[in-house]
C-alpha atoms as a PDB file:
ATOM      1  CA  MET A   1       0.000   0.000   0.000  1.00  0.00           C
ATOM      2  CA  LEU A   2       1.103   3.548  -0.765  1.00  0.00           C
ATOM      3  CA  LYS A   3       0.263   6.742   1.104  1.00  0.00           C
ATOM      4  CA  VAL A   4      -0.285   9.514  -1.408  1.00  0.00           C
ATOM      5  CA  ALA A   5      -0.857  13.232  -0.749  1.00  0.00           C
ATOM      6  CA  PHE A   6      -2.596  15.599  -3.149  1.00  0.00           C
ATOM      7  CA  PHE A   7      -2.153  19.350  -2.673  1.00  0.00           C
ATOM      8  CA  THR A   8      -5.590  20.701  -3.472  1.00  0.00           C
ATOM      9  CA  ASN A   9      -7.847  23.721  -3.114  1.00  0.00           C
ATOM     10  CA  ASP A  10     -11.152  21.897  -3.646  1.00  0.00           C
ATOM     11  CA  LEU A  11     -10.460  18.287  -2.498  1.00  0.00           C
ATOM     12  CA  LYS A  12     -11.407  17.103  -6.008  1.00  0.00           C
ATOM     13  CA  ASN A  13      -8.454  18.166  -8.147  1.00  0.00           C
ATOM     14  CA  ILE A  14      -4.681  18.419  -8.097  1.00  0.00           C
ATOM     15  CA  ASP A  15      -4.916  22.185  -8.397  1.00  0.00           C
ATOM     16  CA  ALA A  16      -2.596  23.706  -5.812  1.00  0.00           C
ATOM     17  CA  HIS A  17       1.003  24.804  -5.373  1.00  0.00           C
ATOM     18  CA  PHE A  18       3.023  22.979  -2.711  1.00  0.00           C
ATOM     19  CA  GLY A  19       3.814  26.233  -0.911  1.00  0.00           C
ATOM     20  CA  SER A  20       0.376  27.822  -0.944  1.00  0.00           C
ATOM     21  CA  ALA A  21      -2.198  25.008  -0.814  1.00  0.00           C
ATOM     22  CA  PRO A  22      -4.643  25.296   2.086  1.00  0.00           C
ATOM     23  CA  GLN A  23      -4.596  21.520   2.594  1.00  0.00           C
ATOM     24  CA  PHE A  24      -3.562  18.164   1.276  1.00  0.00           C
ATOM     25  CA  ALA A  25      -5.697  15.052   0.964  1.00  0.00           C
ATOM     26  CA  VAL A  26      -4.074  11.765   1.988  1.00  0.00           C
ATOM     27  CA  TYR A  27      -5.153   8.515   0.360  1.00  0.00           C
ATOM     28  CA  ASP A  28      -4.196   4.894   0.932  1.00  0.00           C
ATOM     29  CA  VAL A  29      -3.716   3.286  -2.486  1.00  0.00           C
ATOM     30  CA  ASP A  30      -3.175  -0.344  -3.446  1.00  0.00           C
ATOM     31  CA  ALA A  31      -3.861  -2.639  -6.401  1.00  0.00           C
ATOM     32  CA  GLU A  32      -7.504  -3.065  -5.321  1.00  0.00           C
ATOM     33  CA  GLY A  33      -8.343   0.636  -5.072  1.00  0.00           C
ATOM     34  CA  PHE A  34      -8.043   3.607  -2.747  1.00  0.00           C
ATOM     35  CA  ASN A  35      -9.528   5.244   0.341  1.00  0.00           C
ATOM     36  CA  LEU A  36      -9.374   8.770   1.706  1.00  0.00           C
ATOM     37  CA  PHE A  37      -7.323   8.556   4.907  1.00  0.00           C
ATOM     38  CA  GLU A  38      -7.315  12.176   6.070  1.00  0.00           C
ATOM     39  CA  VAL A  39      -7.340  15.814   5.014  1.00  0.00           C
ATOM     40  CA  VAL A  40      -4.493  17.809   6.544  1.00  0.00           C
ATOM     41  CA  PRO A  41      -4.850  21.608   6.757  1.00  0.00           C
ATOM     42  CA  THR A  42      -1.521  23.303   6.075  1.00  0.00           C
ATOM     43  CA  GLY A  43      -2.275  26.597   7.801  1.00  0.00           C
ATOM     44  CA  GLU A  44       0.575  29.076   7.620  1.00  0.00           C
ATOM     45  CA  GLU A  45       3.260  26.381   7.441  1.00  0.00           C
ATOM     46  CA  ARG A  46       5.937  26.873   4.837  1.00  0.00           C
ATOM     47  CA  THR A  47       8.291  24.355   3.259  1.00  0.00           C
ATOM     48  CA  ASP A  48       9.878  22.791   6.352  1.00  0.00           C
ATOM     49  CA  GLY A  49       6.550  22.571   8.171  1.00  0.00           C
ATOM     50  CA  ARG A  50       4.822  21.058   5.155  1.00  0.00           C
ATOM     51  CA  VAL A  51       7.581  18.471   4.707  1.00  0.00           C
ATOM     52  CA  GLU A  52       7.226  17.558   8.402  1.00  0.00           C
ATOM     53  CA  MET A  53       3.461  17.192   7.956  1.00  0.00           C
ATOM     54  CA  LEU A  54       4.053  14.834   5.023  1.00  0.00           C
ATOM     55  CA  GLN A  55       6.534  12.818   7.079  1.00  0.00           C
ATOM     56  CA  ASP A  56       4.091  12.663  10.012  1.00  0.00           C
ATOM     57  CA  SER A  57       1.477  11.209   7.647  1.00  0.00           C
ATOM     58  CA  SER A  58       4.033   8.678   6.245  1.00  0.00           C
ATOM     59  CA  ILE A  59       3.564   9.973   2.697  1.00  0.00           C
ATOM     60  CA  ASP A  60       5.301   8.135  -0.166  1.00  0.00           C
ATOM     61  CA  ILE A  61       4.245  10.318  -3.126  1.00  0.00           C
ATOM     62  CA  VAL A  62       3.075  13.932  -3.238  1.00  0.00           C
ATOM     63  CA  TYR A  63       1.197  15.540  -6.147  1.00  0.00           C
ATOM     64  CA  CYS A  64       0.926  19.285  -6.767  1.00  0.00           C
ATOM     65  CA  THR A  65       0.756  21.766  -9.644  1.00  0.00           C
ATOM     66  CA  GLU A  66       3.988  23.551  -8.699  1.00  0.00           C
ATOM     67  CA  ILE A  67       6.866  23.017  -6.306  1.00  0.00           C
ATOM     68  CA  GLY A  68       9.997  25.133  -6.105  1.00  0.00           C
ATOM     69  CA  PRO A  69      13.451  23.557  -6.496  1.00  0.00           C
ATOM     70  CA  ALA A  70      14.403  24.009  -2.820  1.00  0.00           C
ATOM     71  CA  ALA A  71      11.089  22.537  -1.626  1.00  0.00           C
ATOM     72  CA  ALA A  72      11.373  19.649  -4.105  1.00  0.00           C
ATOM     73  CA  ALA A  73      14.872  18.876  -2.810  1.00  0.00           C
ATOM     74  CA  LYS A  74      13.615  18.805   0.791  1.00  0.00           C
ATOM     75  CA  VAL A  75      10.731  16.519  -0.201  1.00  0.00           C
ATOM     76  CA  VAL A  76      13.071  14.135  -2.060  1.00  0.00           C
ATOM     77  CA  ASN A  77      15.582  14.169   0.827  1.00  0.00           C
ATOM     78  CA  SER A  78      12.701  13.041   3.056  1.00  0.00           C
ATOM     79  CA  LYS A  79      12.255   9.995   0.797  1.00  0.00           C
ATOM     80  CA  ILE A  80       8.988  11.339  -0.627  1.00  0.00           C
ATOM     81  CA  PHE A  81       8.544  11.292  -4.404  1.00  0.00           C
ATOM     82  CA  PRO A  82       7.117  14.578  -5.783  1.00  0.00           C
ATOM     83  CA  ILE A  83       4.991  14.601  -8.945  1.00  0.00           C
ATOM     84  CA  LYS A  84       4.165  17.935 -10.542  1.00  0.00           C
ATOM     85  CA  TYR A  85       1.305  18.501 -12.983  1.00  0.00           C
ATOM     86  CA  LYS A  86       1.230  21.661 -15.073  1.00  0.00           C
ATOM     87  CA  GLU A  87      -2.525  21.380 -15.646  1.00  0.00           C
ATOM     88  CA  VAL A  88      -5.336  20.639 -13.202  1.00  0.00           C
ATOM     89  CA  VAL A  89      -6.027  16.896 -12.959  1.00  0.00           C
ATOM     90  CA  SER A  90      -8.810  15.092 -11.096  1.00  0.00           C
ATOM     91  CA  ILE A  91      -7.599  13.344  -7.927  1.00  0.00           C
ATOM     92  CA  GLU A  92      -9.924  10.414  -8.668  1.00  0.00           C
ATOM     93  CA  THR A  93      -8.490  10.026 -12.184  1.00  0.00           C
ATOM     94  CA  GLU A  94      -4.950   9.934 -10.804  1.00  0.00           C
ATOM     95  CA  LEU A  95      -5.920   7.493  -8.032  1.00  0.00           C
ATOM     96  CA  ASN A  96      -7.503   5.123 -10.562  1.00  0.00           C
ATOM     97  CA  LYS A  97      -4.392   5.329 -12.746  1.00  0.00           C
ATOM     98  CA  LEU A  98      -2.080   4.697  -9.789  1.00  0.00           C
ATOM     99  CA  SER A  99      -4.114   1.747  -8.506  1.00  0.00           C
ATOM    100  CA  SER A 100      -4.270   0.231 -12.001  1.00  0.00           C
ATOM    101  CA  MET A 101      -0.480   0.613 -12.392  1.00  0.00           C
ATOM    102  CA  MET A 102       0.064  -1.118  -9.057  1.00  0.00           C
ATOM    103  CA  ALA A 103      -2.141  -4.024 -10.181  1.00  0.00           C
ATOM    104  CA  THR A 104      -0.446  -4.510 -13.532  1.00  0.00           C
ATOM    105  CA  ASN A 105       3.058  -3.133 -13.975  1.00  0.00           C
ATOM    106  CA  PRO A 106       4.225  -0.569 -11.430  1.00  0.00           C
ATOM    107  CA  PRO A 107       7.076   1.675 -12.561  1.00  0.00           C
ATOM    108  CA  PRO A 108      10.458   1.195 -10.847  1.00  0.00           C
ATOM    109  CA  PHE A 109      10.015   4.092  -8.408  1.00  0.00           C
ATOM    110  CA  ILE A 110       6.757   2.583  -7.093  1.00  0.00           C
ATOM    111  CA  LYS A 111       8.322  -0.900  -6.847  1.00  0.00           C
ATOM    112  CA  LYS A 112      11.147   0.633  -4.803  1.00  0.00           C
ATOM    113  CA  ILE A 113       8.673   2.338  -2.424  1.00  0.00           C
ATOM    114  CA  LEU A 114       6.667  -0.888  -1.988  1.00  0.00           C
ATOM    115  CA  GLU A 115       9.814  -2.921  -1.321  1.00  0.00           C
ATOM    116  CA  ALA A 116      10.965  -0.414   1.303  1.00  0.00           C
ATOM    117  CA  ARG A 117       7.556  -0.666   3.049  1.00  0.00           C
ATOM    118  CA  ALA A 118       7.628  -4.484   3.105  1.00  0.00           C
END
């Protein structure tokens, strides 16, 4: 199982910048599907605080529309894989894609995460 965070304004889409999103939605994802685990308000936290929040939620992958180079480096150094989308994408669409990938042929970075969790 993976723990995935989506930085979001509306809880429906990947539509927020890492540094300015009001919240992130955390989902448990596996080959059978996905479930909303929690919604974490980010408040006034900046990069270090947001990275700590992700670590506290045991996040493996984080999705957002933008993330600065320094923030991305801190996320990666925390063993969290950042994925950036230039356009707004539905969280449900991405969750279905991720679950399907896990059931069929996960890419190497997901295999590595799953092996580390085992």
